[in-house]
């Protein structure tokens, strides 16, 4: 019955395949969407573009709900009274009394019977789309192996290095040429490091960086995570124990010692088989769901009956 989609207040927001959906139901969904997005219900003024976007999104959600409910109905999906009762209990639970819940339904344009009909249709819609999802969750070994081959670059752990460094930060030294004086200080430290003195102890003693408490150890990092000059010098070091020349950055002067290097490594399929399967399932489910919603929308006759550009009344 097309009237099932209509609230008890007059006025409709959209017509989907000849079924009118009430303006009151649109308002309820729009306000719920506003709350979910953290936007005040009474928001006005400079938020007009945001409110217009939210109205359009709420309308899309409303149309989608109705299309899925109609598809579920056409597929003969059944919903038991117990399922509706359970949904009713869950939705009404936050309200202090049953009467308070019924008053809320009234403001959204529903009688109790009509809201139960609405719940029945929404449960059927969920069952319908769940069925589409279930069809998409099978992943064959062939599919898995092809995905692995096609995505080897994404599944490769990038090269990483772990270094210690000593930083002398830019600061006034009261010398005729502070920059030259800082280079001179760092040159003396570099000579100690290259003569075999313990680098971690030198970092603890001289470094201006917070990593000095770990003996200058900054842990593993990959390209793109440090400032370019520092990164370039760190990745240029070949063997653990190699020490860079003096490196200049915006922070000051550094010397860097390589501790460990991890070469780029393609993750073995057997190591990630199950995580990869889960990832493929998620992708397939999302695609199948989107494709079905697009199909229903493409085949539907949809007539939006209210303006969405300027939210005059809400």
C-alpha atoms as a PDB file:
ATOM      1  CA  UNK A   1       0.000   0.000   0.000  1.00  0.00           C
ATOM      2  CA  UNK A   2       1.643   3.248  -1.123  1.00  0.00           C
ATOM      3  CA  UNK A   3       0.141   5.072   1.855  1.00  0.00           C
ATOM      4  CA  UNK A   4       2.440   3.043   4.126  1.00  0.00           C
ATOM      5  CA  UNK A   5       5.294   5.374   3.249  1.00  0.00           C
ATOM      6  CA  UNK A   6       3.312   8.444   4.287  1.00  0.00           C
ATOM      7  CA  UNK A   7       3.290   9.964   7.759  1.00  0.00           C
ATOM      8  CA  UNK A   8      -0.024  11.138   9.237  1.00  0.00           C
ATOM      9  CA  UNK A   9       0.727  14.810   8.509  1.00  0.00           C
ATOM     10  CA  UNK A  10      -0.143  16.172   5.051  1.00  0.00           C
ATOM     11  CA  UNK A  11       2.555  17.114   2.572  1.00  0.00           C
ATOM     12  CA  UNK A  12       5.095  14.878   0.858  1.00  0.00           C
ATOM     13  CA  UNK A  13       8.810  15.253   0.233  1.00  0.00           C
ATOM     14  CA  UNK A  14       9.411  12.808  -2.608  1.00  0.00           C
ATOM     15  CA  UNK A  15       7.611  10.344  -4.871  1.00  0.00           C
ATOM     16  CA  UNK A  16       9.467   7.075  -5.560  1.00  0.00           C
ATOM     17  CA  UNK A  17       7.906   4.789  -8.181  1.00  0.00           C
ATOM     18  CA  UNK A  18       4.507   6.338  -7.417  1.00  0.00           C
ATOM     19  CA  UNK A  19       4.877   5.999  -3.627  1.00  0.00           C
ATOM     20  CA  UNK A  20       4.682   9.307  -1.756  1.00  0.00           C
ATOM     21  CA  UNK A  21       7.029   9.717   1.201  1.00  0.00           C
ATOM     22  CA  UNK A  22       5.943  12.272   3.785  1.00  0.00           C
ATOM     23  CA  UNK A  23       7.661  15.582   4.377  1.00  0.00           C
ATOM     24  CA  UNK A  24       7.468  14.779   8.081  1.00  0.00           C
ATOM     25  CA  UNK A  25       9.570  11.648   7.582  1.00  0.00           C
ATOM     26  CA  UNK A  26      12.106  13.669   5.579  1.00  0.00           C
ATOM     27  CA  UNK A  27      12.364  16.219   8.422  1.00  0.00           C
ATOM     28  CA  UNK A  28      12.975  13.445  10.960  1.00  0.00           C
ATOM     29  CA  UNK A  29      15.739  11.934   8.804  1.00  0.00           C
ATOM     30  CA  UNK A  30      17.262  15.352   8.042  1.00  0.00           C
ATOM     31  CA  UNK A  31      17.436  16.306  11.725  1.00  0.00           C
ATOM     32  CA  UNK A  32      18.906  12.904  12.604  1.00  0.00           C
ATOM     33  CA  UNK A  33      21.550  13.446   9.876  1.00  0.00           C
ATOM     34  CA  UNK A  34      22.318  16.933  11.255  1.00  0.00           C
ATOM     35  CA  UNK A  35      22.835  15.488  14.740  1.00  0.00           C
ATOM     36  CA  UNK A  36      25.059  12.712  13.356  1.00  0.00           C
ATOM     37  CA  UNK A  37      27.191  15.360  11.589  1.00  0.00           C
ATOM     38  CA  UNK A  38      27.414  17.460  14.776  1.00  0.00           C
ATOM     39  CA  UNK A  39      25.398  20.362  13.344  1.00  0.00           C
ATOM     40  CA  UNK A  40      22.976  22.216  15.615  1.00  0.00           C
ATOM     41  CA  UNK A  41      19.337  21.746  14.568  1.00  0.00           C
ATOM     42  CA  UNK A  42      18.787  25.519  14.760  1.00  0.00           C
ATOM     43  CA  UNK A  43      21.890  26.356  12.681  1.00  0.00           C
ATOM     44  CA  UNK A  44      21.350  29.218  10.244  1.00  0.00           C
ATOM     45  CA  UNK A  45      23.104  32.025   8.392  1.00  0.00           C
ATOM     46  CA  UNK A  46      26.617  31.315   7.203  1.00  0.00           C
ATOM     47  CA  UNK A  47      25.949  27.563   7.482  1.00  0.00           C
ATOM     48  CA  UNK A  48      23.474  27.684   4.611  1.00  0.00           C
ATOM     49  CA  UNK A  49      25.748  25.806   2.141  1.00  0.00           C
ATOM     50  CA  UNK A  50      26.375  23.117   4.777  1.00  0.00           C
ATOM     51  CA  UNK A  51      22.649  22.798   5.558  1.00  0.00           C
ATOM     52  CA  UNK A  52      21.844  22.561   1.851  1.00  0.00           C
ATOM     53  CA  UNK A  53      24.386  19.745   1.464  1.00  0.00           C
ATOM     54  CA  UNK A  54      22.914  17.924   4.490  1.00  0.00           C
ATOM     55  CA  UNK A  55      19.370  18.315   3.099  1.00  0.00           C
ATOM     56  CA  UNK A  56      20.455  16.797  -0.208  1.00  0.00           C
ATOM     57  CA  UNK A  57      22.225  13.929   1.582  1.00  0.00           C
ATOM     58  CA  UNK A  58      19.145  13.323   3.767  1.00  0.00           C
ATOM     59  CA  UNK A  59      16.973  13.232   0.637  1.00  0.00           C
ATOM     60  CA  UNK A  60      19.331  10.691  -0.958  1.00  0.00           C
ATOM     61  CA  UNK A  61      19.131   8.549   2.198  1.00  0.00           C
ATOM     62  CA  UNK A  62      15.333   8.777   2.185  1.00  0.00           C
ATOM     63  CA  UNK A  63      15.112   7.756  -1.488  1.00  0.00           C
ATOM     64  CA  UNK A  64      17.551   4.893  -0.870  1.00  0.00           C
ATOM     65  CA  UNK A  65      15.491   3.635   2.100  1.00  0.00           C
ATOM     66  CA  UNK A  66      12.328   3.681   0.002  1.00  0.00           C
ATOM     67  CA  UNK A  67      13.941   1.963  -3.008  1.00  0.00           C
ATOM     68  CA  UNK A  68      15.312  -0.833  -0.817  1.00  0.00           C
ATOM     69  CA  UNK A  69      11.971  -1.257   0.967  1.00  0.00           C
ATOM     70  CA  UNK A  70      10.197  -1.548  -2.401  1.00  0.00           C
ATOM     71  CA  UNK A  71      12.820  -4.018  -3.684  1.00  0.00           C
ATOM     72  CA  UNK A  72      12.400  -6.092  -0.506  1.00  0.00           C
ATOM     73  CA  UNK A  73       8.630  -6.072  -0.981  1.00  0.00           C
ATOM     74  CA  UNK A  74       8.975  -7.165  -4.621  1.00  0.00           C
ATOM     75  CA  UNK A  75      11.340  -9.966  -3.544  1.00  0.00           C
ATOM     76  CA  UNK A  76       8.781 -11.283  -1.053  1.00  0.00           C
ATOM     77  CA  UNK A  77      11.078 -10.795   1.954  1.00  0.00           C
ATOM     78  CA  UNK A  78       9.172 -11.525   5.139  1.00  0.00           C
ATOM     79  CA  UNK A  79       9.512  -9.841   8.528  1.00  0.00           C
ATOM     80  CA  UNK A  80       8.033 -11.420  11.635  1.00  0.00           C
ATOM     81  CA  UNK A  81       6.084  -9.618  14.370  1.00  0.00           C
ATOM     82  CA  UNK A  82       8.878 -10.627  16.786  1.00  0.00           C
ATOM     83  CA  UNK A  83      11.471  -8.818  14.647  1.00  0.00           C
ATOM     84  CA  UNK A  84       9.352  -5.658  14.616  1.00  0.00           C
ATOM     85  CA  UNK A  85       8.771  -5.917  18.382  1.00  0.00           C
ATOM     86  CA  UNK A  86      12.521  -6.264  18.978  1.00  0.00           C
ATOM     87  CA  UNK A  87      13.274  -3.184  16.834  1.00  0.00           C
ATOM     88  CA  UNK A  88      10.503  -1.245  18.607  1.00  0.00           C
ATOM     89  CA  UNK A  89      11.957  -2.185  22.011  1.00  0.00           C
ATOM     90  CA  UNK A  90      15.466  -1.127  20.981  1.00  0.00           C
ATOM     91  CA  UNK A  91      14.394   2.256  19.550  1.00  0.00           C
ATOM     92  CA  UNK A  92      12.024   3.095  22.432  1.00  0.00           C
ATOM     93  CA  UNK A  93      14.488   2.005  25.142  1.00  0.00           C
ATOM     94  CA  UNK A  94      16.166   5.455  25.660  1.00  0.00           C
ATOM     95  CA  UNK A  95      12.778   7.090  26.389  1.00  0.00           C
ATOM     96  CA  UNK A  96      11.630   7.356  30.010  1.00  0.00           C
ATOM     97  CA  UNK A  97       8.086   6.148  29.308  1.00  0.00           C
ATOM     98  CA  UNK A  98       6.193   4.500  26.425  1.00  0.00           C
ATOM     99  CA  UNK A  99       4.035   7.655  26.273  1.00  0.00           C
ATOM    100  CA  UNK A 100       7.098   9.846  25.730  1.00  0.00           C
ATOM    101  CA  UNK A 101       8.166   7.620  22.833  1.00  0.00           C
ATOM    102  CA  UNK A 102       4.692   7.787  21.276  1.00  0.00           C
ATOM    103  CA  UNK A 103       4.756  11.598  21.578  1.00  0.00           C
ATOM    104  CA  UNK A 104       8.090  11.650  19.713  1.00  0.00           C
ATOM    105  CA  UNK A 105       6.595   9.450  16.970  1.00  0.00           C
ATOM    106  CA  UNK A 106       3.667  11.849  16.698  1.00  0.00           C
ATOM    107  CA  UNK A 107       6.020  14.799  16.117  1.00  0.00           C
ATOM    108  CA  UNK A 108       7.561  12.778  13.277  1.00  0.00           C
ATOM    109  CA  UNK A 109       4.137  12.174  11.752  1.00  0.00           C
ATOM    110  CA  UNK A 110       3.508   8.588  12.882  1.00  0.00           C
ATOM    111  CA  UNK A 111       0.812   6.748  14.724  1.00  0.00           C
ATOM    112  CA  UNK A 112       1.977   3.597  16.527  1.00  0.00           C
ATOM    113  CA  UNK A 113       0.561   1.376  13.765  1.00  0.00           C
ATOM    114  CA  UNK A 114       2.172   3.407  11.020  1.00  0.00           C
ATOM    115  CA  UNK A 115       5.528   3.383  12.769  1.00  0.00           C
ATOM    116  CA  UNK A 116       5.353  -0.396  13.152  1.00  0.00           C
ATOM    117  CA  UNK A 117       4.656  -0.614   9.405  1.00  0.00           C
ATOM    118  CA  UNK A 118       7.644   1.678   8.799  1.00  0.00           C
ATOM    119  CA  UNK A 119       9.874  -0.545  10.990  1.00  0.00           C
ATOM    120  CA  UNK A 120       8.692  -3.637   9.144  1.00  0.00           C
ATOM    121  CA  UNK A 121       9.644  -2.032   5.800  1.00  0.00           C
ATOM    122  CA  UNK A 122      13.059  -0.854   7.103  1.00  0.00           C
ATOM    123  CA  UNK A 123      13.864  -4.337   8.495  1.00  0.00           C
ATOM    124  CA  UNK A 124      12.878  -5.858   5.134  1.00  0.00           C
ATOM    125  CA  UNK A 125      15.096  -3.298   3.346  1.00  0.00           C
ATOM    126  CA  UNK A 126      18.024  -4.253   5.575  1.00  0.00           C
ATOM    127  CA  UNK A 127      17.427  -7.956   4.886  1.00  0.00           C
ATOM    128  CA  UNK A 128      17.378  -7.201   1.167  1.00  0.00           C
ATOM    129  CA  UNK A 129      20.728  -5.369   1.135  1.00  0.00           C
ATOM    130  CA  UNK A 130      22.216  -7.960   3.535  1.00  0.00           C
ATOM    131  CA  UNK A 131      21.324 -10.593   0.931  1.00  0.00           C
ATOM    132  CA  UNK A 132      23.238  -8.632  -1.724  1.00  0.00           C
ATOM    133  CA  UNK A 133      26.211  -8.404   0.666  1.00  0.00           C
ATOM    134  CA  UNK A 134      26.139 -12.137   1.411  1.00  0.00           C
ATOM    135  CA  UNK A 135      26.418 -12.965  -2.296  1.00  0.00           C
ATOM    136  CA  UNK A 136      29.624 -10.890  -2.479  1.00  0.00           C
ATOM    137  CA  UNK A 137      31.583 -12.468   0.377  1.00  0.00           C
ATOM    138  CA  UNK A 138      32.907 -15.494  -1.494  1.00  0.00           C
ATOM    139  CA  UNK A 139      36.579 -15.070  -2.458  1.00  0.00           C
ATOM    140  CA  UNK A 140      38.259 -17.884  -4.412  1.00  0.00           C
ATOM    141  CA  UNK A 141      41.972 -18.670  -4.102  1.00  0.00           C
ATOM    142  CA  UNK A 142      42.368 -17.608  -7.752  1.00  0.00           C
ATOM    143  CA  UNK A 143      40.801 -14.219  -6.952  1.00  0.00           C
ATOM    144  CA  UNK A 144      43.054 -13.842  -3.920  1.00  0.00           C
ATOM    145  CA  UNK A 145      46.216 -14.640  -5.874  1.00  0.00           C
ATOM    146  CA  UNK A 146      45.273 -12.310  -8.743  1.00  0.00           C
ATOM    147  CA  UNK A 147      44.613  -9.462  -6.278  1.00  0.00           C
ATOM    148  CA  UNK A 148      48.008 -10.132  -4.672  1.00  0.00           C
ATOM    149  CA  UNK A 149      49.791 -10.012  -8.067  1.00  0.00           C
ATOM    150  CA  UNK A 150      47.920  -6.869  -9.150  1.00  0.00           C
ATOM    151  CA  UNK A 151      48.731  -5.051  -5.901  1.00  0.00           C
ATOM    152  CA  UNK A 152      52.336  -6.067  -5.251  1.00  0.00           C
ATOM    153  CA  UNK A 153      53.441  -2.429  -5.019  1.00  0.00           C
ATOM    154  CA  UNK A 154      50.817  -1.661  -2.337  1.00  0.00           C
ATOM    155  CA  UNK A 155      51.777  -4.827  -0.458  1.00  0.00           C
ATOM    156  CA  UNK A 156      55.474  -3.992  -0.340  1.00  0.00           C
ATOM    157  CA  UNK A 157      56.850  -2.642   2.924  1.00  0.00           C
ATOM    158  CA  UNK A 158      59.038   0.347   2.043  1.00  0.00           C
ATOM    159  CA  UNK A 159      62.736   0.575   2.877  1.00  0.00           C
ATOM    160  CA  UNK A 160      63.288   1.826   6.441  1.00  0.00           C
ATOM    161  CA  UNK A 161      66.277   2.992   8.456  1.00  0.00           C
ATOM    162  CA  UNK A 162      66.826   3.411  12.175  1.00  0.00           C
ATOM    163  CA  UNK A 163      69.327   6.090  13.171  1.00  0.00           C
ATOM    164  CA  UNK A 164      70.724   7.979  16.117  1.00  0.00           C
ATOM    165  CA  UNK A 165      71.463  11.663  15.691  1.00  0.00           C
ATOM    166  CA  UNK A 166      72.947  14.614  17.524  1.00  0.00           C
ATOM    167  CA  UNK A 167      71.351  18.040  16.982  1.00  0.00           C
ATOM    168  CA  UNK A 168      72.917  21.385  17.738  1.00  0.00           C
ATOM    169  CA  UNK A 169      69.973  23.750  17.388  1.00  0.00           C
ATOM    170  CA  UNK A 170      70.324  27.187  15.809  1.00  0.00           C
ATOM    171  CA  UNK A 171      70.789  29.668  18.656  1.00  0.00           C
ATOM    172  CA  UNK A 172      72.643  32.905  19.397  1.00  0.00           C
ATOM    173  CA  UNK A 173      76.153  32.150  20.654  1.00  0.00           C
ATOM    174  CA  UNK A 174      77.359  35.751  20.985  1.00  0.00           C
ATOM    175  CA  UNK A 175      80.099  35.162  18.379  1.00  0.00           C
ATOM    176  CA  UNK A 176      80.913  37.312  15.323  1.00  0.00           C
ATOM    177  CA  UNK A 177      79.587  34.415  13.184  1.00  0.00           C
ATOM    178  CA  UNK A 178      77.234  32.178  15.193  1.00  0.00           C
ATOM    179  CA  UNK A 179      76.695  29.816  12.248  1.00  0.00           C
ATOM    180  CA  UNK A 180      80.423  29.206  11.805  1.00  0.00           C
ATOM    181  CA  UNK A 181      80.830  28.773  15.577  1.00  0.00           C
ATOM    182  CA  UNK A 182      78.060  26.120  15.628  1.00  0.00           C
ATOM    183  CA  UNK A 183      79.737  24.256  12.728  1.00  0.00           C
ATOM    184  CA  UNK A 184      82.989  24.349  14.694  1.00  0.00           C
ATOM    185  CA  UNK A 185      81.264  22.846  17.783  1.00  0.00           C
ATOM    186  CA  UNK A 186      79.671  20.107  15.672  1.00  0.00           C
ATOM    187  CA  UNK A 187      82.944  19.332  13.875  1.00  0.00           C
ATOM    188  CA  UNK A 188      84.560  18.583  17.264  1.00  0.00           C
ATOM    189  CA  UNK A 189      81.677  16.219  18.182  1.00  0.00           C
ATOM    190  CA  UNK A 190      81.850  14.538  14.755  1.00  0.00           C
ATOM    191  CA  UNK A 191      85.567  13.867  15.239  1.00  0.00           C
ATOM    192  CA  UNK A 192      84.887  12.245  18.626  1.00  0.00           C
ATOM    193  CA  UNK A 193      82.168  10.048  17.071  1.00  0.00           C
ATOM    194  CA  UNK A 194      84.401   8.979  14.175  1.00  0.00           C
ATOM    195  CA  UNK A 195      87.254   8.266  16.609  1.00  0.00           C
ATOM    196  CA  UNK A 196      85.015   5.591  18.149  1.00  0.00           C
ATOM    197  CA  UNK A 197      83.501   7.350  21.165  1.00  0.00           C
ATOM    198  CA  UNK A 198      80.063   5.998  22.149  1.00  0.00           C
ATOM    199  CA  UNK A 199      77.535   7.848  19.912  1.00  0.00           C
ATOM    200  CA  UNK A 200      74.651   7.393  22.352  1.00  0.00           C
ATOM    201  CA  UNK A 201      76.710   8.957  25.151  1.00  0.00           C
ATOM    202  CA  UNK A 202      77.729  11.845  22.893  1.00  0.00           C
ATOM    203  CA  UNK A 203      74.050  12.419  22.027  1.00  0.00           C
ATOM    204  CA  UNK A 204      73.059  12.352  25.700  1.00  0.00           C
ATOM    205  CA  UNK A 205      75.775  14.921  26.464  1.00  0.00           C
ATOM    206  CA  UNK A 206      75.578  17.317  23.513  1.00  0.00           C
ATOM    207  CA  UNK A 207      72.279  16.953  21.608  1.00  0.00           C
ATOM    208  CA  UNK A 208      69.571  19.628  21.812  1.00  0.00           C
ATOM    209  CA  UNK A 209      66.950  17.148  20.575  1.00  0.00           C
ATOM    210  CA  UNK A 210      64.452  15.394  22.879  1.00  0.00           C
ATOM    211  CA  UNK A 211      65.788  12.056  21.563  1.00  0.00           C
ATOM    212  CA  UNK A 212      68.960  12.614  23.620  1.00  0.00           C
ATOM    213  CA  UNK A 213      67.324  10.679  26.493  1.00  0.00           C
ATOM    214  CA  UNK A 214      67.312   7.632  24.152  1.00  0.00           C
ATOM    215  CA  UNK A 215      70.921   8.327  23.152  1.00  0.00           C
ATOM    216  CA  UNK A 216      69.699  10.121  20.033  1.00  0.00           C
ATOM    217  CA  UNK A 217      67.710   7.100  18.769  1.00  0.00           C
ATOM    218  CA  UNK A 218      64.743   8.229  16.641  1.00  0.00           C
ATOM    219  CA  UNK A 219      63.604   4.705  15.742  1.00  0.00           C
ATOM    220  CA  UNK A 220      62.688   3.375  12.287  1.00  0.00           C
ATOM    221  CA  UNK A 221      61.299   5.688   9.624  1.00  0.00           C
ATOM    222  CA  UNK A 222      60.575   5.505   5.905  1.00  0.00           C
ATOM    223  CA  UNK A 223      61.025   8.100   3.174  1.00  0.00           C
ATOM    224  CA  UNK A 224      58.725  11.081   3.469  1.00  0.00           C
ATOM    225  CA  UNK A 225      58.635  11.110   7.282  1.00  0.00           C
ATOM    226  CA  UNK A 226      61.610  13.383   8.002  1.00  0.00           C
ATOM    227  CA  UNK A 227      62.769  16.742   6.599  1.00  0.00           C
ATOM    228  CA  UNK A 228      64.415  16.149   3.191  1.00  0.00           C
ATOM    229  CA  UNK A 229      68.071  16.924   4.076  1.00  0.00           C
ATOM    230  CA  UNK A 230      67.944  14.692   7.189  1.00  0.00           C
ATOM    231  CA  UNK A 231      66.191  11.889   5.298  1.00  0.00           C
ATOM    232  CA  UNK A 232      68.564  12.060   2.354  1.00  0.00           C
ATOM    233  CA  UNK A 233      71.639  11.809   4.611  1.00  0.00           C
ATOM    234  CA  UNK A 234      70.133   8.970   6.677  1.00  0.00           C
ATOM    235  CA  UNK A 235      69.232   6.822   3.647  1.00  0.00           C
ATOM    236  CA  UNK A 236      72.651   7.463   2.079  1.00  0.00           C
ATOM    237  CA  UNK A 237      74.366   5.613   4.978  1.00  0.00           C
ATOM    238  CA  UNK A 238      75.090   2.034   3.904  1.00  0.00           C
ATOM    239  CA  UNK A 239      76.323   0.002   6.875  1.00  0.00           C
ATOM    240  CA  UNK A 240      75.300   0.086  10.565  1.00  0.00           C
ATOM    241  CA  UNK A 241      77.865   2.268  12.310  1.00  0.00           C
ATOM    242  CA  UNK A 242      78.340   4.625   9.342  1.00  0.00           C
ATOM    243  CA  UNK A 243      78.257   8.285  10.411  1.00  0.00           C
ATOM    244  CA  UNK A 244      77.173  11.152   8.167  1.00  0.00           C
ATOM    245  CA  UNK A 245      78.917  14.437   7.534  1.00  0.00           C
ATOM    246  CA  UNK A 246      77.356  17.500   9.177  1.00  0.00           C
ATOM    247  CA  UNK A 247      73.769  17.935   7.901  1.00  0.00           C
ATOM    248  CA  UNK A 248      72.069  21.324   7.926  1.00  0.00           C
ATOM    249  CA  UNK A 249      68.267  21.665   8.390  1.00  0.00           C
ATOM    250  CA  UNK A 250      65.862  24.342   9.644  1.00  0.00           C
ATOM    251  CA  UNK A 251      66.309  22.879  13.127  1.00  0.00           C
ATOM    252  CA  UNK A 252      70.097  23.245  13.232  1.00  0.00           C
ATOM    253  CA  UNK A 253      73.076  20.980  12.533  1.00  0.00           C
ATOM    254  CA  UNK A 254      72.916  17.182  12.772  1.00  0.00           C
ATOM    255  CA  UNK A 255      75.243  14.238  12.612  1.00  0.00           C
ATOM    256  CA  UNK A 256      73.564  10.904  11.973  1.00  0.00           C
ATOM    257  CA  UNK A 257      74.658   7.337  12.711  1.00  0.00           C
ATOM    258  CA  UNK A 258      72.995   4.372  10.999  1.00  0.00           C
ATOM    259  CA  UNK A 259      71.839   1.687  13.452  1.00  0.00           C
ATOM    260  CA  UNK A 260      69.740  -0.643  11.255  1.00  0.00           C
ATOM    261  CA  UNK A 261      68.417  -0.799   7.726  1.00  0.00           C
ATOM    262  CA  UNK A 262      65.373  -2.755   6.523  1.00  0.00           C
ATOM    263  CA  UNK A 263      65.222  -3.219   2.759  1.00  0.00           C
ATOM    264  CA  UNK A 264      61.902  -2.927   0.936  1.00  0.00           C
ATOM    265  CA  UNK A 265      60.061  -6.245   1.260  1.00  0.00           C
ATOM    266  CA  UNK A 266      57.039  -7.676  -0.506  1.00  0.00           C
ATOM    267  CA  UNK A 267      54.852  -9.260   2.174  1.00  0.00           C
ATOM    268  CA  UNK A 268      54.587 -13.025   1.480  1.00  0.00           C
ATOM    269  CA  UNK A 269      51.074 -14.076   0.485  1.00  0.00           C
ATOM    270  CA  UNK A 270      50.911 -16.769   3.168  1.00  0.00           C
ATOM    271  CA  UNK A 271      51.711 -14.161   5.817  1.00  0.00           C
ATOM    272  CA  UNK A 272      48.767 -11.916   4.869  1.00  0.00           C
ATOM    273  CA  UNK A 273      46.335 -14.344   3.220  1.00  0.00           C
ATOM    274  CA  UNK A 274      43.508 -13.913   5.747  1.00  0.00           C
ATOM    275  CA  UNK A 275      43.863 -10.129   6.122  1.00  0.00           C
ATOM    276  CA  UNK A 276      43.901  -9.853   2.329  1.00  0.00           C
ATOM    277  CA  UNK A 277      40.794 -12.040   2.062  1.00  0.00           C
ATOM    278  CA  UNK A 278      38.989  -9.763   4.555  1.00  0.00           C
ATOM    279  CA  UNK A 279      40.082  -6.687   2.592  1.00  0.00           C
ATOM    280  CA  UNK A 280      38.843  -8.154  -0.716  1.00  0.00           C
ATOM    281  CA  UNK A 281      35.523  -9.129   0.895  1.00  0.00           C
ATOM    282  CA  UNK A 282      35.062  -5.580   2.198  1.00  0.00           C
ATOM    283  CA  UNK A 283      35.801  -4.142  -1.253  1.00  0.00           C
ATOM    284  CA  UNK A 284      33.478  -6.608  -3.002  1.00  0.00           C
ATOM    285  CA  UNK A 285      30.650  -6.024  -0.527  1.00  0.00           C
ATOM    286  CA  UNK A 286      30.914  -2.245  -0.886  1.00  0.00           C
ATOM    287  CA  UNK A 287      30.952  -2.514  -4.695  1.00  0.00           C
ATOM    288  CA  UNK A 288      28.003  -4.928  -4.793  1.00  0.00           C
ATOM    289  CA  UNK A 289      25.969  -2.746  -2.439  1.00  0.00           C
ATOM    290  CA  UNK A 290      26.743   0.435  -4.398  1.00  0.00           C
ATOM    291  CA  UNK A 291      25.972  -1.286  -7.730  1.00  0.00           C
ATOM    292  CA  UNK A 292      22.588  -2.545  -6.488  1.00  0.00           C
ATOM    293  CA  UNK A 293      21.624   0.880  -5.125  1.00  0.00           C
ATOM    294  CA  UNK A 294      22.704   2.487  -8.411  1.00  0.00           C
ATOM    295  CA  UNK A 295      20.650  -0.068 -10.360  1.00  0.00           C
ATOM    296  CA  UNK A 296      17.525   0.529  -8.283  1.00  0.00           C
ATOM    297  CA  UNK A 297      17.932   4.286  -8.638  1.00  0.00           C
ATOM    298  CA  UNK A 298      18.555   4.107 -12.399  1.00  0.00           C
ATOM    299  CA  UNK A 299      15.394   2.046 -12.928  1.00  0.00           C
ATOM    300  CA  UNK A 300      13.217   4.142 -10.618  1.00  0.00           C
ATOM    301  CA  UNK A 301      10.934   7.081 -11.256  1.00  0.00           C
ATOM    302  CA  UNK A 302      11.877   9.648  -8.630  1.00  0.00           C
ATOM    303  CA  UNK A 303      10.226  13.040  -8.213  1.00  0.00           C
ATOM    304  CA  UNK A 304      11.539  15.327  -5.434  1.00  0.00           C
ATOM    305  CA  UNK A 305       8.587  17.439  -4.283  1.00  0.00           C
ATOM    306  CA  UNK A 306      10.353  19.974  -2.040  1.00  0.00           C
ATOM    307  CA  UNK A 307      13.106  22.543  -2.681  1.00  0.00           C
ATOM    308  CA  UNK A 308      16.496  21.436  -1.386  1.00  0.00           C
ATOM    309  CA  UNK A 309      18.596  24.476  -2.297  1.00  0.00           C
ATOM    310  CA  UNK A 310      17.303  26.874   0.372  1.00  0.00           C
ATOM    311  CA  UNK A 311      16.259  25.292   3.678  1.00  0.00           C
ATOM    312  CA  UNK A 312      13.568  27.830   4.566  1.00  0.00           C
ATOM    313  CA  UNK A 313      11.735  25.540   6.950  1.00  0.00           C
ATOM    314  CA  UNK A 314      13.157  22.490   8.641  1.00  0.00           C
END
